[in-house]
């Protein structure tokens, strides 16, 4: 029972899935000064927030699994080439919704 607390397989997968949603909606190199950027970003974040709520209904997240989910989200975006400070902002946004 105790070991199930450390099972973060689904959380890791879901963190990467959320990052992929963002990568698909806001491709690397999209100018942030573009007026459409804010609209596209908000739509992507709305979709991520909805998917997060749906995931939380069927999965119990503890402190460890939340951290793993957020860390996988963060590193998937960093590995894709997104700017570090921007990734930190996105990860903080996600953590507030977990």
PDB file of N, CA and C in Angstrom:
ATOM      1  N   UNK A   1       0.815  -1.191   0.000  1.00  0.00           N
ATOM      2  CA  UNK A   1       0.000   0.000   0.000  1.00  0.00           C
ATOM      3  C   UNK A   1       0.863   1.262   0.000  1.00  0.00           C
ATOM      4  N   UNK A   2       1.905   1.254   0.808  1.00  0.00           N
ATOM      5  CA  UNK A   2       2.788   2.402   0.895  1.00  0.00           C
ATOM      6  C   UNK A   2       3.490   2.662  -0.430  1.00  0.00           C
ATOM      7  N   UNK A   3       3.847   1.597  -1.132  1.00  0.00           N
ATOM      8  CA  UNK A   3       4.558   1.755  -2.383  1.00  0.00           C
ATOM      9  C   UNK A   3       3.678   2.354  -3.483  1.00  0.00           C
ATOM     10  N   UNK A   4       2.399   2.184  -3.380  1.00  0.00           N
ATOM     11  CA  UNK A   4       1.505   2.786  -4.379  1.00  0.00           C
ATOM     12  C   UNK A   4       1.541   4.307  -4.291  1.00  0.00           C
ATOM     13  N   UNK A   5       1.903   4.832  -3.128  1.00  0.00           N
ATOM     14  CA  UNK A   5       2.014   6.281  -2.953  1.00  0.00           C
ATOM     15  C   UNK A   5       3.088   6.846  -3.869  1.00  0.00           C
ATOM     16  N   UNK A   6       4.118   6.047  -4.155  1.00  0.00           N
ATOM     17  CA  UNK A   6       5.234   6.479  -4.993  1.00  0.00           C
ATOM     18  C   UNK A   6       5.053   6.111  -6.464  1.00  0.00           C
ATOM     19  N   UNK A   7       3.942   5.522  -6.819  1.00  0.00           N
ATOM     20  CA  UNK A   7       3.696   5.148  -8.210  1.00  0.00           C
ATOM     21  C   UNK A   7       3.243   6.391  -8.977  1.00  0.00           C
ATOM     22  N   UNK A   8       4.150   6.940  -9.760  1.00  0.00           N
ATOM     23  CA  UNK A   8       3.867   8.173 -10.485  1.00  0.00           C
ATOM     24  C   UNK A   8       3.849   7.953 -12.000  1.00  0.00           C
ATOM     25  N   UNK A   9       3.668   6.718 -12.413  1.00  0.00           N
ATOM     26  CA  UNK A   9       3.690   6.390 -13.842  1.00  0.00           C
ATOM     27  C   UNK A   9       2.632   7.183 -14.615  1.00  0.00           C
ATOM     28  N   UNK A  10       1.407   7.168 -14.138  1.00  0.00           N
ATOM     29  CA  UNK A  10       0.322   7.888 -14.819  1.00  0.00           C
ATOM     30  C   UNK A  10       0.537   9.408 -14.756  1.00  0.00           C
ATOM     31  N   UNK A  11       1.032   9.897 -13.644  1.00  0.00           N
ATOM     32  CA  UNK A  11       1.287  11.333 -13.493  1.00  0.00           C
ATOM     33  C   UNK A  11       2.375  11.783 -14.465  1.00  0.00           C
ATOM     34  N   UNK A  12       3.430  10.986 -14.602  1.00  0.00           N
ATOM     35  CA  UNK A  12       4.493  11.313 -15.562  1.00  0.00           C
ATOM     36  C   UNK A  12       3.951  11.360 -16.981  1.00  0.00           C
ATOM     37  N   UNK A  13       3.171  10.355 -17.329  1.00  0.00           N
ATOM     38  CA  UNK A  13       2.600  10.289 -18.680  1.00  0.00           C
ATOM     39  C   UNK A  13       1.705  11.502 -18.929  1.00  0.00           C
ATOM     40  N   UNK A  14       0.893  11.828 -17.938  1.00  0.00           N
ATOM     41  CA  UNK A  14      -0.041  12.936 -18.100  1.00  0.00           C
ATOM     42  C   UNK A  14       0.681  14.281 -18.185  1.00  0.00           C
ATOM     43  N   UNK A  15       1.753  14.452 -17.427  1.00  0.00           N
ATOM     44  CA  UNK A  15       2.536  15.687 -17.510  1.00  0.00           C
ATOM     45  C   UNK A  15       3.090  15.906 -18.912  1.00  0.00           C
ATOM     46  N   UNK A  16       3.605  14.841 -19.508  1.00  0.00           N
ATOM     47  CA  UNK A  16       4.125  14.926 -20.873  1.00  0.00           C
ATOM     48  C   UNK A  16       2.993  15.194 -21.868  1.00  0.00           C
ATOM     49  N   UNK A  17       1.836  14.591 -21.625  1.00  0.00           N
ATOM     50  CA  UNK A  17       0.675  14.793 -22.494  1.00  0.00           C
ATOM     51  C   UNK A  17       0.224  16.259 -22.471  1.00  0.00           C
ATOM     52  N   UNK A  18       0.209  16.860 -21.293  1.00  0.00           N
ATOM     53  CA  UNK A  18      -0.172  18.269 -21.181  1.00  0.00           C
ATOM     54  C   UNK A  18       0.823  19.165 -21.914  1.00  0.00           C
ATOM     55  N   UNK A  19       2.098  18.847 -21.786  1.00  0.00           N
ATOM     56  CA  UNK A  19       3.120  19.628 -22.488  1.00  0.00           C
ATOM     57  C   UNK A  19       2.941  19.501 -23.999  1.00  0.00           C
ATOM     58  N   UNK A  20       2.604  18.306 -24.467  1.00  0.00           N
ATOM     59  CA  UNK A  20       2.392  18.111 -25.908  1.00  0.00           C
ATOM     60  C   UNK A  20       1.206  18.930 -26.416  1.00  0.00           C
ATOM     61  N   UNK A  21       0.185  19.059 -25.602  1.00  0.00           N
ATOM     62  CA  UNK A  21      -0.952  19.907 -25.983  1.00  0.00           C
ATOM     63  C   UNK A  21      -0.464  21.329 -26.200  1.00  0.00           C
ATOM     64  N   UNK A  22       0.343  21.820 -25.271  1.00  0.00           N
ATOM     65  CA  UNK A  22       0.855  23.187 -25.392  1.00  0.00           C
ATOM     66  C   UNK A  22       1.755  23.318 -26.621  1.00  0.00           C
ATOM     67  N   UNK A  23       2.612  22.341 -26.839  1.00  0.00           N
ATOM     68  CA  UNK A  23       3.530  22.373 -27.985  1.00  0.00           C
ATOM     69  C   UNK A  23       2.760  22.396 -29.300  1.00  0.00           C
ATOM     70  N   UNK A  24       1.675  21.638 -29.385  1.00  0.00           N
ATOM     71  CA  UNK A  24       0.874  21.608 -30.603  1.00  0.00           C
ATOM     72  C   UNK A  24       0.143  22.935 -30.830  1.00  0.00           C
ATOM     73  N   UNK A  25      -0.361  23.527 -29.753  1.00  0.00           N
ATOM     74  CA  UNK A  25      -1.150  24.761 -29.871  1.00  0.00           C
ATOM     75  C   UNK A  25      -0.275  25.999 -30.040  1.00  0.00           C
ATOM     76  N   UNK A  26       0.890  26.007 -29.384  1.00  0.00           N
ATOM     77  CA  UNK A  26       1.789  27.159 -29.436  1.00  0.00           C
ATOM     78  C   UNK A  26       3.167  26.653 -29.894  1.00  0.00           C
ATOM     79  N   UNK A  27       3.360  26.538 -31.193  1.00  0.00           N
ATOM     80  CA  UNK A  27       4.634  26.015 -31.696  1.00  0.00           C
ATOM     81  C   UNK A  27       5.811  26.910 -31.296  1.00  0.00           C
ATOM     82  N   UNK A  28       6.947  26.281 -31.131  1.00  0.00           N
ATOM     83  CA  UNK A  28       8.170  26.994 -30.798  1.00  0.00           C
ATOM     84  C   UNK A  28       8.443  28.036 -31.877  1.00  0.00           C
ATOM     85  N   UNK A  29       8.780  29.231 -31.470  1.00  0.00           N
ATOM     86  CA  UNK A  29       9.073  30.296 -32.418  1.00  0.00           C
ATOM     87  C   UNK A  29       7.895  31.209 -32.692  1.00  0.00           C
ATOM     88  N   UNK A  30       6.743  30.914 -32.105  1.00  0.00           N
ATOM     89  CA  UNK A  30       5.594  31.803 -32.258  1.00  0.00           C
ATOM     90  C   UNK A  30       5.923  33.114 -31.562  1.00  0.00           C
ATOM     91  N   UNK A  31       5.856  34.237 -32.290  1.00  0.00           N
ATOM     92  CA  UNK A  31       6.205  35.519 -31.661  1.00  0.00           C
ATOM     93  C   UNK A  31       5.243  35.876 -30.534  1.00  0.00           C
ATOM     94  N   UNK A  32       5.802  36.220 -29.372  1.00  0.00           N
ATOM     95  CA  UNK A  32       4.967  36.553 -28.219  1.00  0.00           C
ATOM     96  C   UNK A  32       4.328  37.924 -28.351  1.00  0.00           C
ATOM     97  N   UNK A  33       4.808  38.735 -29.247  1.00  0.00           N
ATOM     98  CA  UNK A  33       4.235  40.067 -29.428  1.00  0.00           C
ATOM     99  C   UNK A  33       3.033  40.041 -30.361  1.00  0.00           C
ATOM    100  N   UNK A  34       2.840  38.934 -31.018  1.00  0.00           N
ATOM    101  CA  UNK A  34       1.704  38.772 -31.912  1.00  0.00           C
ATOM    102  C   UNK A  34       0.409  38.872 -31.102  1.00  0.00           C
ATOM    103  N   UNK A  35      -0.565  39.633 -31.597  1.00  0.00           N
ATOM    104  CA  UNK A  35      -1.827  39.813 -30.872  1.00  0.00           C
ATOM    105  C   UNK A  35      -2.583  38.495 -30.726  1.00  0.00           C
ATOM    106  N   UNK A  36      -2.428  37.617 -31.685  1.00  0.00           N
ATOM    107  CA  UNK A  36      -3.106  36.333 -31.632  1.00  0.00           C
ATOM    108  C   UNK A  36      -2.455  35.394 -30.623  1.00  0.00           C
ATOM    109  N   UNK A  37      -1.219  35.697 -30.224  1.00  0.00           N
ATOM    110  CA  UNK A  37      -0.503  34.837 -29.284  1.00  0.00           C
ATOM    111  C   UNK A  37      -1.250  34.706 -27.966  1.00  0.00           C
ATOM    112  N   UNK A  38      -1.739  35.810 -27.440  1.00  0.00           N
ATOM    113  CA  UNK A  38      -2.462  35.779 -26.161  1.00  0.00           C
ATOM    114  C   UNK A  38      -3.730  34.931 -26.265  1.00  0.00           C
ATOM    115  N   UNK A  39      -4.429  35.053 -27.368  1.00  0.00           N
ATOM    116  CA  UNK A  39      -5.657  34.284 -27.565  1.00  0.00           C
ATOM    117  C   UNK A  39      -5.332  32.795 -27.685  1.00  0.00           C
ATOM    118  N   UNK A  40      -4.320  32.466 -28.492  1.00  0.00           N
ATOM    119  CA  UNK A  40      -3.920  31.070 -28.667  1.00  0.00           C
ATOM    120  C   UNK A  40      -3.451  30.471 -27.350  1.00  0.00           C
ATOM    121  N   UNK A  41      -2.679  31.245 -26.610  1.00  0.00           N
ATOM    122  CA  UNK A  41      -2.166  30.758 -25.323  1.00  0.00           C
ATOM    123  C   UNK A  41      -3.304  30.508 -24.356  1.00  0.00           C
ATOM    124  N   UNK A  42      -4.252  31.428 -24.288  1.00  0.00           N
ATOM    125  CA  UNK A  42      -5.378  31.260 -23.369  1.00  0.00           C
ATOM    126  C   UNK A  42      -6.194  30.021 -23.727  1.00  0.00           C
ATOM    127  N   UNK A  43      -6.396  29.791 -25.005  1.00  0.00           N
ATOM    128  CA  UNK A  43      -7.138  28.594 -25.436  1.00  0.00           C
ATOM    129  C   UNK A  43      -6.393  27.319 -25.057  1.00  0.00           C
ATOM    130  N   UNK A  44      -5.076  27.322 -25.245  1.00  0.00           N
ATOM    131  CA  UNK A  44      -4.272  26.154 -24.888  1.00  0.00           C
ATOM    132  C   UNK A  44      -4.319  25.917 -23.383  1.00  0.00           C
ATOM    133  N   UNK A  45      -4.198  26.975 -22.607  1.00  0.00           N
ATOM    134  CA  UNK A  45      -4.234  26.835 -21.150  1.00  0.00           C
ATOM    135  C   UNK A  45      -5.614  26.414 -20.658  1.00  0.00           C
ATOM    136  N   UNK A  46      -6.654  26.891 -21.308  1.00  0.00           N
ATOM    137  CA  UNK A  46      -8.008  26.452 -20.957  1.00  0.00           C
ATOM    138  C   UNK A  46      -8.166  24.954 -21.202  1.00  0.00           C
ATOM    139  N   UNK A  47      -7.636  24.477 -22.323  1.00  0.00           N
ATOM    140  CA  UNK A  47      -7.717  23.061 -22.637  1.00  0.00           C
ATOM    141  C   UNK A  47      -6.907  22.242 -21.628  1.00  0.00           C
ATOM    142  N   UNK A  48      -5.740  22.724 -21.269  1.00  0.00           N
ATOM    143  CA  UNK A  48      -4.909  22.028 -20.285  1.00  0.00           C
ATOM    144  C   UNK A  48      -5.604  22.000 -18.929  1.00  0.00           C
ATOM    145  N   UNK A  49      -6.222  23.111 -18.536  1.00  0.00           N
ATOM    146  CA  UNK A  49      -6.940  23.162 -17.255  1.00  0.00           C
ATOM    147  C   UNK A  49      -8.101  22.175 -17.244  1.00  0.00           C
ATOM    148  N   UNK A  50      -8.819  22.093 -18.338  1.00  0.00           N
ATOM    149  CA  UNK A  50      -9.938  21.145 -18.431  1.00  0.00           C
ATOM    150  C   UNK A  50      -9.435  19.706 -18.327  1.00  0.00           C
ATOM    151  N   UNK A  51      -8.387  19.381 -19.075  1.00  0.00           N
ATOM    152  CA  UNK A  51      -7.826  18.022 -19.024  1.00  0.00           C
ATOM    153  C   UNK A  51      -7.309  17.696 -17.627  1.00  0.00           C
ATOM    154  N   UNK A  52      -6.752  18.692 -16.942  1.00  0.00           N
ATOM    155  CA  UNK A  52      -6.245  18.490 -15.586  1.00  0.00           C
ATOM    156  C   UNK A  52      -7.384  18.171 -14.632  1.00  0.00           C
ATOM    157  N   UNK A  53      -8.481  18.903 -14.736  1.00  0.00           N
ATOM    158  CA  UNK A  53      -9.646  18.627 -13.880  1.00  0.00           C
ATOM    159  C   UNK A  53     -10.189  17.229 -14.146  1.00  0.00           C
ATOM    160  N   UNK A  54     -10.255  16.834 -15.413  1.00  0.00           N
ATOM    161  CA  UNK A  54     -10.737  15.504 -15.759  1.00  0.00           C
ATOM    162  C   UNK A  54      -9.812  14.420 -15.206  1.00  0.00           C
ATOM    163  N   UNK A  55      -8.519  14.652 -15.268  1.00  0.00           N
ATOM    164  CA  UNK A  55      -7.549  13.692 -14.749  1.00  0.00           C
ATOM    165  C   UNK A  55      -7.690  13.554 -13.234  1.00  0.00           C
ATOM    166  N   UNK A  56      -7.907  14.660 -12.553  1.00  0.00           N
ATOM    167  CA  UNK A  56      -8.023  14.640 -11.102  1.00  0.00           C
ATOM    168  C   UNK A  56      -9.267  13.888 -10.625  1.00  0.00           C
ATOM    169  N   UNK A  57     -10.295  13.820 -11.451  1.00  0.00           N
ATOM    170  CA  UNK A  57     -11.498  13.079 -11.086  1.00  0.00           C
ATOM    171  C   UNK A  57     -11.204  11.586 -10.999  1.00  0.00           C
ATOM    172  N   UNK A  58     -10.394  11.097 -11.911  1.00  0.00           N
ATOM    173  CA  UNK A  58     -10.139   9.656 -11.957  1.00  0.00           C
ATOM    174  C   UNK A  58      -8.822   9.228 -11.303  1.00  0.00           C
ATOM    175  N   UNK A  59      -7.996  10.181 -10.896  1.00  0.00           N
ATOM    176  CA  UNK A  59      -6.704   9.859 -10.288  1.00  0.00           C
ATOM    177  C   UNK A  59      -6.518  10.681  -9.013  1.00  0.00           C
ATOM    178  N   UNK A  60      -6.090  10.007  -7.971  1.00  0.00           N
ATOM    179  CA  UNK A  60      -5.776  10.697  -6.730  1.00  0.00           C
ATOM    180  C   UNK A  60      -4.321  11.126  -6.784  1.00  0.00           C
ATOM    181  N   UNK A  61      -4.096  12.423  -6.675  1.00  0.00           N
ATOM    182  CA  UNK A  61      -2.731  12.943  -6.727  1.00  0.00           C
ATOM    183  C   UNK A  61      -2.267  13.320  -5.326  1.00  0.00           C
ATOM    184  N   UNK A  62      -1.138  12.757  -4.925  1.00  0.00           N
ATOM    185  CA  UNK A  62      -0.541  13.161  -3.663  1.00  0.00           C
ATOM    186  C   UNK A  62       0.595  14.141  -3.963  1.00  0.00           C
ATOM    187  N   UNK A  63       1.295  14.559  -2.948  1.00  0.00           N
ATOM    188  CA  UNK A  63       2.366  15.534  -3.121  1.00  0.00           C
ATOM    189  C   UNK A  63       3.428  15.036  -4.104  1.00  0.00           C
ATOM    190  N   UNK A  64       3.801  13.779  -3.977  1.00  0.00           N
ATOM    191  CA  UNK A  64       4.831  13.205  -4.839  1.00  0.00           C
ATOM    192  C   UNK A  64       4.382  13.147  -6.301  1.00  0.00           C
ATOM    193  N   UNK A  65       3.176  12.656  -6.545  1.00  0.00           N
ATOM    194  CA  UNK A  65       2.708  12.520  -7.925  1.00  0.00           C
ATOM    195  C   UNK A  65       2.464  13.883  -8.564  1.00  0.00           C
ATOM    196  N   UNK A  66       2.046  14.867  -7.785  1.00  0.00           N
ATOM    197  CA  UNK A  66       1.897  16.231  -8.317  1.00  0.00           C
ATOM    198  C   UNK A  66       3.247  16.791  -8.749  1.00  0.00           C
ATOM    199  N   UNK A  67       4.247  16.556  -7.925  1.00  0.00           N
ATOM    200  CA  UNK A  67       5.589  17.036  -8.250  1.00  0.00           C
ATOM    201  C   UNK A  67       6.119  16.358  -9.507  1.00  0.00           C
ATOM    202  N   UNK A  68       5.895  15.054  -9.625  1.00  0.00           N
ATOM    203  CA  UNK A  68       6.361  14.328 -10.809  1.00  0.00           C
ATOM    204  C   UNK A  68       5.638  14.808 -12.073  1.00  0.00           C
ATOM    205  N   UNK A  69       4.339  15.032 -11.967  1.00  0.00           N
ATOM    206  CA  UNK A  69       3.555  15.523 -13.093  1.00  0.00           C
ATOM    207  C   UNK A  69       4.093  16.877 -13.555  1.00  0.00           C
ATOM    208  N   UNK A  70       4.262  17.796 -12.617  1.00  0.00           N
ATOM    209  CA  UNK A  70       4.741  19.136 -12.950  1.00  0.00           C
ATOM    210  C   UNK A  70       6.165  19.088 -13.500  1.00  0.00           C
ATOM    211  N   UNK A  71       7.006  18.252 -12.927  1.00  0.00           N
ATOM    212  CA  UNK A  71       8.384  18.151 -13.387  1.00  0.00           C
ATOM    213  C   UNK A  71       8.452  17.595 -14.809  1.00  0.00           C
ATOM    214  N   UNK A  72       7.637  16.612 -15.119  1.00  0.00           N
ATOM    215  CA  UNK A  72       7.628  16.057 -16.468  1.00  0.00           C
ATOM    216  C   UNK A  72       7.089  17.069 -17.473  1.00  0.00           C
ATOM    217  N   UNK A  73       6.065  17.819 -17.083  1.00  0.00           N
ATOM    218  CA  UNK A  73       5.537  18.897 -17.921  1.00  0.00           C
ATOM    219  C   UNK A  73       6.649  19.905 -18.238  1.00  0.00           C
ATOM    220  N   UNK A  74       7.331  20.327 -17.189  1.00  0.00           N
ATOM    221  CA  UNK A  74       8.399  21.327 -17.310  1.00  0.00           C
ATOM    222  C   UNK A  74       9.518  20.848 -18.232  1.00  0.00           C
ATOM    223  N   UNK A  75      10.003  19.628 -18.007  1.00  0.00           N
ATOM    224  CA  UNK A  75      11.132  19.155 -18.794  1.00  0.00           C
ATOM    225  C   UNK A  75      10.752  18.791 -20.225  1.00  0.00           C
ATOM    226  N   UNK A  76       9.532  18.416 -20.455  1.00  0.00           N
ATOM    227  CA  UNK A  76       9.096  18.171 -21.833  1.00  0.00           C
ATOM    228  C   UNK A  76       9.118  19.475 -22.622  1.00  0.00           C
ATOM    229  N   UNK A  77       8.657  20.556 -21.992  1.00  0.00           N
ATOM    230  CA  UNK A  77       8.688  21.861 -22.662  1.00  0.00           C
ATOM    231  C   UNK A  77      10.119  22.364 -22.842  1.00  0.00           C
ATOM    232  N   UNK A  78      10.957  22.197 -21.822  1.00  0.00           N
ATOM    233  CA  UNK A  78      12.361  22.631 -21.947  1.00  0.00           C
ATOM    234  C   UNK A  78      13.075  21.847 -23.031  1.00  0.00           C
ATOM    235  N   UNK A  79      12.846  20.537 -23.070  1.00  0.00           N
ATOM    236  CA  UNK A  79      13.479  19.698 -24.092  1.00  0.00           C
ATOM    237  C   UNK A  79      12.999  20.062 -25.491  1.00  0.00           C
ATOM    238  N   UNK A  80      11.796  20.603 -25.581  1.00  0.00           N
ATOM    239  CA  UNK A  80      11.268  21.027 -26.883  1.00  0.00           C
ATOM    240  C   UNK A  80      11.881  22.353 -27.336  1.00  0.00           C
ATOM    241  N   UNK A  81      12.573  23.039 -26.409  1.00  0.00           N
ATOM    242  CA  UNK A  81      13.271  24.260 -26.790  1.00  0.00           C
ATOM    243  C   UNK A  81      12.644  25.552 -26.308  1.00  0.00           C
ATOM    244  N   UNK A  82      11.627  25.471 -25.477  1.00  0.00           N
ATOM    245  CA  UNK A  82      10.998  26.685 -24.970  1.00  0.00           C
ATOM    246  C   UNK A  82      11.919  27.371 -23.962  1.00  0.00           C
ATOM    247  N   UNK A  83      11.810  28.682 -23.882  1.00  0.00           N
ATOM    248  CA  UNK A  83      12.635  29.495 -22.992  1.00  0.00           C
ATOM    249  C   UNK A  83      12.388  29.116 -21.530  1.00  0.00           C
ATOM    250  N   UNK A  84      13.454  29.045 -20.765  1.00  0.00           N
ATOM    251  CA  UNK A  84      13.392  28.587 -19.369  1.00  0.00           C
ATOM    252  C   UNK A  84      12.433  29.400 -18.507  1.00  0.00           C
ATOM    253  N   UNK A  85      12.500  30.707 -18.595  1.00  0.00           N
ATOM    254  CA  UNK A  85      11.635  31.525 -17.739  1.00  0.00           C
ATOM    255  C   UNK A  85      10.168  31.349 -18.111  1.00  0.00           C
ATOM    256  N   UNK A  86       9.891  31.198 -19.385  1.00  0.00           N
ATOM    257  CA  UNK A  86       8.520  30.980 -19.839  1.00  0.00           C
ATOM    258  C   UNK A  86       8.014  29.626 -19.354  1.00  0.00           C
ATOM    259  N   UNK A  87       8.864  28.616 -19.419  1.00  0.00           N
ATOM    260  CA  UNK A  87       8.500  27.276 -18.948  1.00  0.00           C
ATOM    261  C   UNK A  87       8.231  27.311 -17.444  1.00  0.00           C
ATOM    262  N   UNK A  88       9.025  28.049 -16.706  1.00  0.00           N
ATOM    263  CA  UNK A  88       8.820  28.172 -15.257  1.00  0.00           C
ATOM    264  C   UNK A  88       7.460  28.797 -14.963  1.00  0.00           C
ATOM    265  N   UNK A  89       7.087  29.819 -15.721  1.00  0.00           N
ATOM    266  CA  UNK A  89       5.776  30.471 -15.550  1.00  0.00           C
ATOM    267  C   UNK A  89       4.643  29.490 -15.838  1.00  0.00           C
ATOM    268  N   UNK A  90       4.784  28.739 -16.911  1.00  0.00           N
ATOM    269  CA  UNK A  90       3.754  27.755 -17.272  1.00  0.00           C
ATOM    270  C   UNK A  90       3.641  26.660 -16.227  1.00  0.00           C
ATOM    271  N   UNK A  91       4.767  26.209 -15.722  1.00  0.00           N
ATOM    272  CA  UNK A  91       4.764  25.161 -14.707  1.00  0.00           C
ATOM    273  C   UNK A  91       4.125  25.667 -13.421  1.00  0.00           C
ATOM    274  N   UNK A  92       4.441  26.886 -13.042  1.00  0.00           N
ATOM    275  CA  UNK A  92       3.822  27.472 -11.849  1.00  0.00           C
ATOM    276  C   UNK A  92       2.308  27.574 -12.029  1.00  0.00           C
ATOM    277  N   UNK A  93       1.885  27.959 -13.218  1.00  0.00           N
ATOM    278  CA  UNK A  93       0.457  28.042 -13.521  1.00  0.00           C
ATOM    279  C   UNK A  93      -0.193  26.669 -13.344  1.00  0.00           C
ATOM    280  N   UNK A  94       0.473  25.630 -13.860  1.00  0.00           N
ATOM    281  CA  UNK A  94      -0.063  24.272 -13.763  1.00  0.00           C
ATOM    282  C   UNK A  94      -0.135  23.811 -12.300  1.00  0.00           C
ATOM    283  N   UNK A  95       0.909  24.049 -11.559  1.00  0.00           N
ATOM    284  CA  UNK A  95       0.949  23.610 -10.153  1.00  0.00           C
ATOM    285  C   UNK A  95      -0.195  24.240  -9.354  1.00  0.00           C
ATOM    286  N   UNK A  96      -0.536  25.448  -9.654  1.00  0.00           N
ATOM    287  CA  UNK A  96      -1.643  26.114  -8.955  1.00  0.00           C
ATOM    288  C   UNK A  96      -2.983  25.445  -9.248  1.00  0.00           C
ATOM    289  N   UNK A  97      -3.067  24.728 -10.357  1.00  0.00           N
ATOM    290  CA  UNK A  97      -4.306  24.058 -10.715  1.00  0.00           C
ATOM    291  C   UNK A  97      -4.351  22.611 -10.245  1.00  0.00           C
ATOM    292  N   UNK A  98      -3.242  22.128  -9.724  1.00  0.00           N
ATOM    293  CA  UNK A  98      -3.215  20.759  -9.200  1.00  0.00           C
ATOM    294  C   UNK A  98      -3.649  20.832  -7.780  1.00  0.00           C
TER     295      UNK A  98
END
